[in-house]
Structures are given as structure tokens and as C-alpha cells.
PDB file of N, CA and C in Angstrom:
ATOM      1  N   MET A   1      12.830  12.651 -17.310  1.00  0.00           N
ATOM      2  CA  MET A   1      11.660  12.808 -16.480  1.00  0.00           C
ATOM      3  C   MET A   1      10.705  11.650 -16.731  1.00  0.00           C
ATOM      4  N   LYS A   2      10.253  11.051 -15.643  1.00  0.00           N
ATOM      5  CA  LYS A   2       9.310   9.944 -15.764  1.00  0.00           C
ATOM      6  C   LYS A   2       7.897  10.485 -15.924  1.00  0.00           C
ATOM      7  N   ILE A   3       7.113   9.767 -16.682  1.00  0.00           N
ATOM      8  CA  ILE A   3       5.708  10.127 -16.850  1.00  0.00           C
ATOM      9  C   ILE A   3       4.903   9.364 -15.815  1.00  0.00           C
ATOM     10  N   ILE A   4       4.066  10.078 -15.134  1.00  0.00           N
ATOM     11  CA  ILE A   4       3.205   9.461 -14.120  1.00  0.00           C
ATOM     12  C   ILE A   4       1.805   9.339 -14.706  1.00  0.00           C
ATOM     13  N   LYS A   5       1.286   8.154 -14.603  1.00  0.00           N
ATOM     14  CA  LYS A   5      -0.060   7.898 -15.101  1.00  0.00           C
ATOM     15  C   LYS A   5      -0.943   7.553 -13.911  1.00  0.00           C
ATOM     16  N   ILE A   6      -2.002   8.301 -13.743  1.00  0.00           N
ATOM     17  CA  ILE A   6      -2.928   8.065 -12.639  1.00  0.00           C
ATOM     18  C   ILE A   6      -4.178   7.404 -13.200  1.00  0.00           C
ATOM     19  N   ILE A   7      -4.537   6.296 -12.575  1.00  0.00           N
ATOM     20  CA  ILE A   7      -5.762   5.617 -12.987  1.00  0.00           C
ATOM     21  C   ILE A   7      -6.664   5.465 -11.770  1.00  0.00           C
ATOM     22  N   GLU A   8      -7.925   5.457 -12.015  1.00  0.00           N
ATOM     23  CA  GLU A   8      -8.892   5.213 -10.955  1.00  0.00           C
ATOM     24  C   GLU A   8      -9.482   3.831 -11.188  1.00  0.00           C
ATOM     25  N   THR A   9      -9.492   3.058 -10.131  1.00  0.00           N
ATOM     26  CA  THR A   9      -9.978   1.687 -10.261  1.00  0.00           C
ATOM     27  C   THR A   9     -10.690   1.285  -8.977  1.00  0.00           C
ATOM     28  N   ASP A  10     -11.051   0.044  -8.893  1.00  0.00           N
ATOM     29  CA  ASP A  10     -11.723  -0.436  -7.687  1.00  0.00           C
ATOM     30  C   ASP A  10     -10.806  -1.398  -6.936  1.00  0.00           C
ATOM     31  N   HIS A  11     -11.351  -2.028  -5.934  1.00  0.00           N
ATOM     32  CA  HIS A  11     -10.572  -2.924  -5.076  1.00  0.00           C
ATOM     33  C   HIS A  11     -10.032  -4.157  -5.807  1.00  0.00           C
ATOM     34  N   LEU A  12     -10.571  -4.456  -6.958  1.00  0.00           N
ATOM     35  CA  LEU A  12     -10.138  -5.644  -7.685  1.00  0.00           C
ATOM     36  C   LEU A  12      -8.729  -5.499  -8.256  1.00  0.00           C
ATOM     37  N   ASN A  13      -8.239  -4.283  -8.341  1.00  0.00           N
ATOM     38  CA  ASN A  13      -6.923  -4.042  -8.926  1.00  0.00           C
ATOM     39  C   ASN A  13      -5.892  -3.544  -7.918  1.00  0.00           C
ATOM     40  N   LEU A  14      -6.077  -3.893  -6.660  1.00  0.00           N
ATOM     41  CA  LEU A  14      -5.126  -3.451  -5.642  1.00  0.00           C
ATOM     42  C   LEU A  14      -3.701  -3.911  -5.924  1.00  0.00           C
ATOM     43  N   ASP A  15      -3.556  -5.027  -6.580  1.00  0.00           N
ATOM     44  CA  ASP A  15      -2.213  -5.539  -6.868  1.00  0.00           C
ATOM     45  C   ASP A  15      -1.409  -4.584  -7.757  1.00  0.00           C
ATOM     46  N   LEU A  16      -2.088  -3.686  -8.443  1.00  0.00           N
ATOM     47  CA  LEU A  16      -1.377  -2.721  -9.277  1.00  0.00           C
ATOM     48  C   LEU A  16      -0.477  -1.803  -8.458  1.00  0.00           C
ATOM     49  N   ILE A  17      -0.835  -1.570  -7.211  1.00  0.00           N
ATOM     50  CA  ILE A  17      -0.048  -0.647  -6.392  1.00  0.00           C
ATOM     51  C   ILE A  17       1.053  -1.347  -5.595  1.00  0.00           C
ATOM     52  N   GLN A  18       1.127  -2.652  -5.662  1.00  0.00           N
ATOM     53  CA  GLN A  18       2.117  -3.373  -4.857  1.00  0.00           C
ATOM     54  C   GLN A  18       3.550  -2.880  -5.079  1.00  0.00           C
ATOM     55  N   PRO A  19       4.035  -2.731  -6.310  1.00  0.00           N
ATOM     56  CA  PRO A  19       5.416  -2.253  -6.482  1.00  0.00           C
ATOM     57  C   PRO A  19       5.637  -0.867  -5.865  1.00  0.00           C
ATOM     58  N   MET A  20       4.684   0.021  -6.040  1.00  0.00           N
ATOM     59  CA  MET A  20       4.804   1.356  -5.470  1.00  0.00           C
ATOM     60  C   MET A  20       4.777   1.299  -3.948  1.00  0.00           C
ATOM     61  N   TRP A  21       3.893   0.493  -3.391  1.00  0.00           N
ATOM     62  CA  TRP A  21       3.786   0.359  -1.940  1.00  0.00           C
ATOM     63  C   TRP A  21       5.097  -0.191  -1.368  1.00  0.00           C
ATOM     64  N   GLU A  22       5.674  -1.172  -2.029  1.00  0.00           N
ATOM     65  CA  GLU A  22       6.919  -1.763  -1.553  1.00  0.00           C
ATOM     66  C   GLU A  22       8.076  -0.763  -1.611  1.00  0.00           C
ATOM     67  N   LYS A  23       8.124   0.047  -2.664  1.00  0.00           N
ATOM     68  CA  LYS A  23       9.168   1.073  -2.752  1.00  0.00           C
ATOM     69  C   LYS A  23       8.986   2.127  -1.660  1.00  0.00           C
ATOM     70  N   LEU A  24       7.768   2.508  -1.408  1.00  0.00           N
ATOM     71  CA  LEU A  24       7.494   3.473  -0.341  1.00  0.00           C
ATOM     72  C   LEU A  24       7.879   2.886   1.013  1.00  0.00           C
ATOM     73  N   ASN A  25       7.574   1.633   1.217  1.00  0.00           N
ATOM     74  CA  ASN A  25       7.931   0.956   2.459  1.00  0.00           C
ATOM     75  C   ASN A  25       9.458   0.909   2.629  1.00  0.00           C
ATOM     76  N   GLU A  26      10.178   0.619   1.551  1.00  0.00           N
ATOM     77  CA  GLU A  26      11.644   0.621   1.590  1.00  0.00           C
ATOM     78  C   GLU A  26      12.173   2.017   1.932  1.00  0.00           C
ATOM     79  N   HIS A  27      11.570   3.028   1.344  1.00  0.00           N
ATOM     80  CA  HIS A  27      11.964   4.411   1.641  1.00  0.00           C
ATOM     81  C   HIS A  27      11.775   4.715   3.124  1.00  0.00           C
ATOM     82  N   HIS A  28      10.649   4.328   3.676  1.00  0.00           N
ATOM     83  CA  HIS A  28      10.377   4.573   5.090  1.00  0.00           C
ATOM     84  C   HIS A  28      11.341   3.815   5.990  1.00  0.00           C
ATOM     85  N   GLN A  29      11.802   2.669   5.546  1.00  0.00           N
ATOM     86  CA  GLN A  29      12.766   1.904   6.335  1.00  0.00           C
ATOM     87  C   GLN A  29      14.096   2.644   6.468  1.00  0.00           C
ATOM     88  N   ARG A  30      14.428   3.443   5.472  1.00  0.00           N
ATOM     89  CA  ARG A  30      15.680   4.194   5.507  1.00  0.00           C
ATOM     90  C   ARG A  30      15.571   5.470   6.342  1.00  0.00           C
ATOM     91  N   GLN A  31      14.363   5.849   6.716  1.00  0.00           N
ATOM     92  CA  GLN A  31      14.131   7.072   7.478  1.00  0.00           C
ATOM     93  C   GLN A  31      14.053   6.771   8.971  1.00  0.00           C
ATOM     94  N   GLU A  32      14.288   7.799   9.765  1.00  0.00           N
ATOM     95  CA  GLU A  32      14.088   7.671  11.206  1.00  0.00           C
ATOM     96  C   GLU A  32      12.583   7.663  11.456  1.00  0.00           C
ATOM     97  N   SER A  33      12.114   6.639  12.142  1.00  0.00           N
ATOM     98  CA  SER A  33      10.679   6.525  12.364  1.00  0.00           C
ATOM     99  C   SER A  33      10.393   5.663  13.581  1.00  0.00           C
ATOM    100  N   ASP A  34       9.343   6.027  14.281  1.00  0.00           N
ATOM    101  CA  ASP A  34       8.886   5.219  15.407  1.00  0.00           C
ATOM    102  C   ASP A  34       8.156   3.969  14.921  1.00  0.00           C
ATOM    103  N   PHE A  35       7.866   3.917  13.642  1.00  0.00           N
ATOM    104  CA  PHE A  35       7.086   2.816  13.075  1.00  0.00           C
ATOM    105  C   PHE A  35       7.942   1.824  12.298  1.00  0.00           C
ATOM    106  N   LYS A  36       9.262   1.951  12.397  1.00  0.00           N
ATOM    107  CA  LYS A  36      10.150   1.088  11.612  1.00  0.00           C
ATOM    108  C   LYS A  36       9.856  -0.396  11.812  1.00  0.00           C
ATOM    109  N   ASP A  37       9.725  -0.808  13.068  1.00  0.00           N
ATOM    110  CA  ASP A  37       9.468  -2.224  13.337  1.00  0.00           C
ATOM    111  C   ASP A  37       8.147  -2.671  12.736  1.00  0.00           C
ATOM    112  N   HIS A  38       7.142  -1.844  12.850  1.00  0.00           N
ATOM    113  CA  HIS A  38       5.829  -2.178  12.285  1.00  0.00           C
ATOM    114  C   HIS A  38       5.914  -2.264  10.770  1.00  0.00           C
ATOM    115  N   ASP A  39       6.497  -1.247  10.152  1.00  0.00           N
ATOM    116  CA  ASP A  39       6.592  -1.213   8.694  1.00  0.00           C
ATOM    117  C   ASP A  39       7.420  -2.369   8.154  1.00  0.00           C
ATOM    118  N   GLU A  40       8.473  -2.705   8.873  1.00  0.00           N
ATOM    119  CA  GLU A  40       9.371  -3.761   8.424  1.00  0.00           C
ATOM    120  C   GLU A  40       8.658  -5.110   8.337  1.00  0.00           C
ATOM    121  N   ASN A  41       7.699  -5.330   9.220  1.00  0.00           N
ATOM    122  CA  ASN A  41       6.999  -6.612   9.280  1.00  0.00           C
ATOM    123  C   ASN A  41       5.611  -6.580   8.647  1.00  0.00           C
ATOM    124  N   PHE A  42       5.240  -5.456   8.065  1.00  0.00           N
ATOM    125  CA  PHE A  42       3.914  -5.283   7.492  1.00  0.00           C
ATOM    126  C   PHE A  42       4.007  -5.519   5.989  1.00  0.00           C
ATOM    127  N   THR A  43       3.504  -6.643   5.539  1.00  0.00           N
ATOM    128  CA  THR A  43       3.620  -7.011   4.127  1.00  0.00           C
ATOM    129  C   THR A  43       2.501  -6.380   3.301  1.00  0.00           C
ATOM    130  N   PHE A  44       2.718  -6.366   2.006  1.00  0.00           N
ATOM    131  CA  PHE A  44       1.681  -5.850   1.115  1.00  0.00           C
ATOM    132  C   PHE A  44       0.412  -6.686   1.234  1.00  0.00           C
ATOM    133  N   GLN A  45       0.560  -7.980   1.359  1.00  0.00           N
ATOM    134  CA  GLN A  45      -0.614  -8.858   1.477  1.00  0.00           C
ATOM    135  C   GLN A  45      -1.444  -8.481   2.696  1.00  0.00           C
ATOM    136  N   GLU A  46      -0.773  -8.179   3.812  1.00  0.00           N
ATOM    137  CA  GLU A  46      -1.497  -7.757   5.024  1.00  0.00           C
ATOM    138  C   GLU A  46      -2.204  -6.423   4.790  1.00  0.00           C
ATOM    139  N   ARG A  47      -1.516  -5.504   4.125  1.00  0.00           N
ATOM    140  CA  ARG A  47      -2.119  -4.197   3.830  1.00  0.00           C
ATOM    141  C   ARG A  47      -3.321  -4.370   2.917  1.00  0.00           C
ATOM    142  N   LYS A  48      -3.186  -5.221   1.929  1.00  0.00           N
ATOM    143  CA  LYS A  48      -4.272  -5.472   0.984  1.00  0.00           C
ATOM    144  C   LYS A  48      -5.495  -6.034   1.707  1.00  0.00           C
ATOM    145  N   GLU A  49      -5.263  -7.009   2.575  1.00  0.00           N
ATOM    146  CA  GLU A  49      -6.376  -7.597   3.333  1.00  0.00           C
ATOM    147  C   GLU A  49      -7.051  -6.550   4.217  1.00  0.00           C
ATOM    148  N   SER A  50      -6.256  -5.675   4.813  1.00  0.00           N
ATOM    149  CA  SER A  50      -6.806  -4.599   5.638  1.00  0.00           C
ATOM    150  C   SER A  50      -7.686  -3.667   4.807  1.00  0.00           C
ATOM    151  N   LEU A  51      -7.210  -3.299   3.630  1.00  0.00           N
ATOM    152  CA  LEU A  51      -7.999  -2.425   2.755  1.00  0.00           C
ATOM    153  C   LEU A  51      -9.275  -3.113   2.277  1.00  0.00           C
ATOM    154  N   LEU A  52      -9.184  -4.397   1.970  1.00  0.00           N
ATOM    155  CA  LEU A  52     -10.376  -5.119   1.510  1.00  0.00           C
ATOM    156  C   LEU A  52     -11.425  -5.223   2.613  1.00  0.00           C
ATOM    157  N   LYS A  53     -10.984  -5.384   3.867  1.00  0.00           N
ATOM    158  CA  LYS A  53     -11.931  -5.410   4.981  1.00  0.00           C
ATOM    159  C   LYS A  53     -12.628  -4.076   5.127  1.00  0.00           C
ATOM    160  N   LYS A  54     -11.880  -2.985   4.934  1.00  0.00           N
ATOM    161  CA  LYS A  54     -12.485  -1.651   4.985  1.00  0.00           C
ATOM    162  C   LYS A  54     -13.501  -1.483   3.861  1.00  0.00           C
ATOM    163  N   THR A  55     -13.162  -2.042   2.712  1.00  0.00           N
ATOM    164  CA  THR A  55     -14.071  -1.959   1.563  1.00  0.00           C
ATOM    165  C   THR A  55     -15.377  -2.678   1.860  1.00  0.00           C
ATOM    166  N   GLU A  56     -15.263  -3.859   2.442  1.00  0.00           N
ATOM    167  CA  GLU A  56     -16.459  -4.620   2.780  1.00  0.00           C
ATOM    168  C   GLU A  56     -17.304  -3.868   3.801  1.00  0.00           C
ATOM    169  N   ALA A  57     -16.661  -3.231   4.758  1.00  0.00           N
ATOM    170  CA  ALA A  57     -17.381  -2.527   5.813  1.00  0.00           C
ATOM    171  C   ALA A  57     -18.017  -1.242   5.299  1.00  0.00           C
ATOM    172  N   ASN A  58     -17.311  -0.532   4.409  1.00  0.00           N
ATOM    173  CA  ASN A  58     -17.772   0.777   3.948  1.00  0.00           C
ATOM    174  C   ASN A  58     -18.308   0.792   2.532  1.00  0.00           C
ATOM    175  N   HIS A  59     -18.105  -0.277   1.805  1.00  0.00           N
ATOM    176  CA  HIS A  59     -18.452  -0.356   0.386  1.00  0.00           C
ATOM    177  C   HIS A  59     -17.814   0.778  -0.405  1.00  0.00           C
ATOM    178  N   ASP A  60     -16.672   1.265   0.102  1.00  0.00           N
ATOM    179  CA  ASP A  60     -15.945   2.341  -0.571  1.00  0.00           C
ATOM    180  C   ASP A  60     -14.481   2.254  -0.177  1.00  0.00           C
ATOM    181  N   LEU A  61     -13.594   2.299  -1.126  1.00  0.00           N
ATOM    182  CA  LEU A  61     -12.152   2.221  -0.848  1.00  0.00           C
ATOM    183  C   LEU A  61     -11.494   3.525  -1.113  1.00  0.00           C
TER     184      LEU A  61
END
């Protein structure tokens, strides 16, 4: 059994979730989905930039 460690952080540590995000994206690619094409071409860097823009707009991530 793997141990899951949950940490709370701010936008400065978004890179910590990159491996998890990529694995989730790979999982979604194997599933039937209307979003396959979008997910396939949506990189972590693009997702990160999107989240950072939301942070700037809302001052909350």
C-alpha cells in the first residue's frame, strides 16, 4: 500500500503536481472521452499558465 501525503501550498509550487497531472492525463487518454483530442494536446505547462492566470485574477488558487 502506498502512503499518500497531502500538502497545502501556494502557486509557487505548482510543479510539484506535474507528475500526478501527467499520469492522470495518460489515464484519461486510455478512456473513452469526448475530450481526448483536447487532453492529448494540453500540456502541463499550458495548464500551469492557466492556473496562474486564475490566481492573478482571483488572488486565490
